[in-house]
């Protein structure tokens, strides 16, 4: 009986001492001693937040001389129709694909391109039609201030000129040593047009019979 009383009295004591020591050592590991760390090496307490983006975008429709504001990533076609701004010419007002990117009749010129979302698959398939700054309004979202121009014709591309400058093409080909494919991608036009520009400028190609 005496041994039982001793165990009941002192038997739990080693465990209490063990857990007390473990808790104190864990606290020492998780709580750094900032007094022993030099001030220059201590972590700053202020963490800067993300850069604040523009809250509104100004979209100017040159054809009707009207400017409207919208939130970033607003669909260009939806914005125009919401403010009764025409996006279609002629019969395309009634025969368009209702914004599914299939008919190509909502084509508009938009500048600058940096304030738009990148072209998707449906626009890339129309690389011949969508040259230069032309975009499908139904597949384009606005991310900054832009100017929108609707041209003539069924698709809205008649009268649009990419504006390829001869001196710029010569400089890129001769001085910068760009290939014809790179220049065509830069101006968003077929490579054959760049070849014609170089031939009219009497530029000597790098390899005889080659347009590289």
Protein backbone atom coordinates (compact mmCIF):
# COMPACT_ATOMS: atom_id res chain seq x y z
CA UNK A 1 0.00 0.00 0.00
CA UNK A 2 2.87 2.35 0.75
CA UNK A 3 4.33 1.81 -2.73
CA UNK A 4 0.95 2.61 -4.32
CA UNK A 5 0.63 5.82 -2.39
CA UNK A 6 4.14 6.84 -3.46
CA UNK A 7 3.29 6.18 -7.16
CA UNK A 8 0.05 8.10 -6.94
CA UNK A 9 1.84 11.00 -5.32
CA UNK A 10 5.02 11.13 -7.40
CA UNK A 11 4.33 8.89 -10.39
CA UNK A 12 3.03 11.74 -12.64
CA UNK A 13 5.83 14.12 -11.67
CA UNK A 14 8.39 13.05 -14.33
CA UNK A 15 5.76 13.46 -17.08
CA UNK A 16 4.83 16.94 -15.83
CA UNK A 17 8.48 17.96 -15.84
CA UNK A 18 8.94 16.52 -19.40
CA UNK A 19 5.95 18.35 -20.91
CA UNK A 20 6.86 21.60 -19.18
CA UNK A 21 10.36 21.42 -20.63
CA UNK A 22 9.02 20.55 -24.11
CA UNK A 23 6.62 23.50 -24.10
CA UNK A 24 9.37 25.90 -23.07
CA UNK A 25 11.77 24.64 -25.77
CA UNK A 26 9.06 24.85 -28.44
CA UNK A 27 8.30 28.42 -27.43
CA UNK A 28 12.00 29.28 -27.76
CA UNK A 29 12.04 27.87 -31.32
CA UNK A 30 8.89 29.63 -32.54
CA UNK A 31 9.58 32.98 -30.86
CA UNK A 32 12.81 34.52 -32.20
CA UNK A 33 14.87 36.71 -29.94
CA UNK A 34 14.79 40.00 -31.85
CA UNK A 35 17.13 41.60 -29.36
CA UNK A 36 19.99 39.36 -30.47
CA UNK A 37 19.39 40.13 -34.20
CA UNK A 38 21.06 43.27 -35.58
CA UNK A 39 18.60 46.00 -36.48
CA UNK A 40 19.74 46.04 -40.12
CA UNK A 41 18.88 42.32 -40.52
CA UNK A 42 15.43 42.39 -38.94
CA UNK A 43 12.47 41.89 -41.31
CA UNK A 44 10.40 45.00 -42.02
CA UNK A 45 6.90 45.01 -40.58
CA UNK A 46 5.35 46.83 -43.60
CA UNK A 47 4.59 44.80 -46.73
CA UNK A 48 3.48 46.92 -49.72
CA UNK A 49 0.25 45.86 -51.40
CA UNK A 50 -0.37 45.26 -55.12
CA UNK A 51 -0.21 48.13 -57.59
CA UNK A 52 -3.59 49.81 -57.99
CA UNK A 53 -4.92 49.53 -61.54
CA UNK A 54 -7.13 51.99 -63.36
CA UNK A 55 -10.70 51.96 -62.08
CA UNK A 56 -12.27 53.33 -65.28
CA UNK A 57 -11.41 53.41 -68.98
CA UNK A 58 -12.38 56.09 -71.48
CA UNK A 59 -13.50 54.78 -74.87
CA UNK A 60 -13.87 57.35 -77.66
CA UNK A 61 -15.94 56.36 -80.71
CA UNK A 62 -14.59 58.56 -83.48
CA UNK A 63 -17.44 57.95 -85.93
CA UNK A 64 -20.08 59.47 -83.65
CA UNK A 65 -17.72 61.71 -81.67
CA UNK A 66 -18.79 60.21 -78.36
CA UNK A 67 -16.73 59.21 -75.31
CA UNK A 68 -17.99 56.80 -72.66
CA UNK A 69 -16.45 55.38 -69.51
CA UNK A 70 -16.39 51.74 -68.47
CA UNK A 71 -14.72 49.34 -66.09
CA UNK A 72 -11.55 47.48 -67.17
CA UNK A 73 -12.15 44.26 -69.15
CA UNK A 74 -15.46 45.48 -70.56
CA UNK A 75 -16.45 43.89 -73.88
CA UNK A 76 -16.18 46.50 -76.65
CA UNK A 77 -19.25 45.36 -78.61
CA UNK A 78 -21.44 45.24 -75.51
CA UNK A 79 -20.27 48.71 -74.51
CA UNK A 80 -21.11 50.18 -77.93
CA UNK A 81 -24.58 48.63 -78.10
CA UNK A 82 -25.32 49.71 -74.55
CA UNK A 83 -24.79 53.34 -75.61
CA UNK A 84 -26.59 52.98 -78.98
CA UNK A 85 -23.36 53.24 -80.98
CA UNK A 86 -23.53 51.33 -84.30
CA UNK A 87 -21.07 48.47 -84.74
CA UNK A 88 -22.40 47.17 -88.08
CA UNK A 89 -22.81 48.49 -91.60
CA UNK A 90 -25.71 47.83 -93.97
CA UNK A 91 -27.36 44.42 -93.78
CA UNK A 92 -24.85 43.28 -91.19
CA UNK A 93 -27.08 44.98 -88.61
CA UNK A 94 -29.54 42.10 -89.10
CA UNK A 95 -27.31 39.23 -90.28
CA UNK A 96 -24.50 39.39 -87.70
CA UNK A 97 -23.65 36.46 -85.41
CA UNK A 98 -24.78 38.25 -82.23
CA UNK A 99 -21.27 38.55 -80.81
CA UNK A 100 -20.00 34.99 -81.24
CA UNK A 101 -16.98 35.95 -83.35
CA UNK A 102 -18.13 34.04 -86.44
CA UNK A 103 -19.21 36.67 -89.00
CA UNK A 104 -16.44 39.26 -88.67
CA UNK A 105 -18.79 42.20 -89.35
CA UNK A 106 -18.08 43.99 -86.07
CA UNK A 107 -14.50 44.77 -87.15
CA UNK A 108 -13.26 48.14 -85.88
CA UNK A 109 -9.96 49.99 -85.69
CA UNK A 110 -8.78 50.44 -82.11
CA UNK A 111 -5.75 52.40 -80.89
CA UNK A 112 -3.60 51.93 -78.96
CA UNK A 113 -3.45 48.14 -79.00
CA UNK A 114 -1.67 48.07 -75.64
CA UNK A 115 -4.95 48.95 -73.92
CA UNK A 116 -6.75 45.86 -75.22
CA UNK A 117 -6.71 42.19 -74.38
CA UNK A 118 -4.65 39.97 -76.67
CA UNK A 119 -6.17 38.32 -79.71
CA UNK A 120 -7.81 34.97 -79.16
CA UNK A 121 -8.19 31.98 -81.45
CA UNK A 122 -11.17 33.39 -83.37
CA UNK A 123 -9.31 36.61 -84.20
CA UNK A 124 -6.08 34.83 -85.10
CA UNK A 125 -7.99 32.76 -87.66
CA UNK A 126 -8.88 36.02 -89.44
CA UNK A 127 -5.26 37.19 -89.76
CA UNK A 128 -5.86 38.37 -93.35
CA UNK A 129 -8.87 40.50 -92.42
CA UNK A 130 -7.65 41.75 -89.04
CA UNK A 131 -4.48 43.50 -90.14
CA UNK A 132 -2.85 46.37 -88.32
CA UNK A 133 -5.07 47.80 -85.57
CA UNK A 134 -8.28 46.06 -86.68
CA UNK A 135 -10.06 43.94 -84.08
CA UNK A 136 -13.35 42.13 -83.63
CA UNK A 137 -15.35 44.22 -81.18
CA UNK A 138 -17.17 41.17 -79.83
CA UNK A 139 -13.88 39.44 -78.94
CA UNK A 140 -12.07 42.46 -77.51
CA UNK A 141 -11.99 43.75 -73.94
CA UNK A 142 -10.85 47.24 -72.97
CA UNK A 143 -8.10 47.65 -70.36
CA UNK A 144 -7.32 51.37 -70.84
CA UNK A 145 -8.21 54.52 -72.77
CA UNK A 146 -8.75 53.80 -76.49
CA UNK A 147 -10.12 55.35 -79.68
CA UNK A 148 -12.49 53.25 -81.81
CA UNK A 149 -13.12 53.88 -85.53
CA UNK A 150 -15.67 52.03 -87.68
CA UNK A 151 -14.72 51.98 -91.37
CA UNK A 152 -16.91 51.45 -94.44
CA UNK A 153 -17.91 48.18 -96.09
CA UNK A 154 -19.74 45.05 -95.02
CA UNK A 155 -16.97 44.02 -92.64
CA UNK A 156 -15.96 47.56 -91.71
CA UNK A 157 -12.51 47.32 -93.29
CA UNK A 158 -12.92 49.34 -96.50
CA UNK A 159 -10.70 52.40 -96.57
CA UNK A 160 -8.43 51.17 -93.79
CA UNK A 161 -4.71 51.50 -94.50
CA UNK A 162 -2.13 49.74 -92.38
CA UNK A 163 0.23 52.63 -93.07
CA UNK A 164 3.42 50.71 -93.74
CA UNK A 165 6.29 53.18 -94.01
CA UNK A 166 8.98 52.32 -96.56
CA UNK A 167 11.79 53.79 -94.48
CA UNK A 168 10.70 51.80 -91.43
CA UNK A 169 10.58 48.53 -93.37
CA UNK A 170 14.05 49.17 -94.84
CA UNK A 171 15.45 50.02 -91.42
CA UNK A 172 14.07 46.87 -89.80
CA UNK A 173 15.33 44.67 -92.65
CA UNK A 174 18.76 46.20 -93.21
CA UNK A 175 19.79 47.74 -89.89
CA UNK A 176 17.94 45.55 -87.39
CA UNK A 177 18.29 42.46 -89.62
CA UNK A 178 14.69 41.35 -89.07
CA UNK A 179 13.29 38.64 -91.32
CA UNK A 180 10.35 39.28 -93.64
CA UNK A 181 8.16 37.14 -91.39
CA UNK A 182 9.06 39.23 -88.33
CA UNK A 183 8.35 42.50 -90.16
CA UNK A 184 5.02 41.17 -91.44
CA UNK A 185 4.03 40.16 -87.91
CA UNK A 186 5.06 43.59 -86.64
CA UNK A 187 2.82 45.38 -89.18
CA UNK A 188 0.09 42.72 -89.04
CA UNK A 189 0.10 42.13 -92.80
CA UNK A 190 0.92 39.26 -95.21
CA UNK A 191 4.66 38.64 -95.83
CA UNK A 192 4.09 39.11 -99.58
CA UNK A 193 3.25 42.77 -98.96
CA UNK A 194 6.56 43.30 -97.17
CA UNK A 195 8.38 41.65 -100.07
CA UNK A 196 6.69 44.05 -102.51
CA UNK A 197 7.69 47.02 -100.36
CA UNK A 198 11.32 45.87 -100.29
CA UNK A 199 11.36 45.26 -104.04
CA UNK A 200 9.94 48.73 -104.76
CA UNK A 201 12.61 50.18 -102.49
CA UNK A 202 15.25 48.25 -104.47
CA UNK A 203 16.57 46.61 -101.34
CA UNK A 204 19.03 43.78 -101.96
CA UNK A 205 17.92 40.61 -100.24
CA UNK A 206 20.42 38.84 -98.02
CA UNK A 207 20.50 35.72 -100.19
CA UNK A 208 19.74 35.74 -103.93
CA UNK A 209 16.21 34.48 -104.52
CA UNK A 210 15.44 34.48 -100.79
CA UNK A 211 13.15 36.67 -98.71
CA UNK A 212 14.61 35.71 -95.37
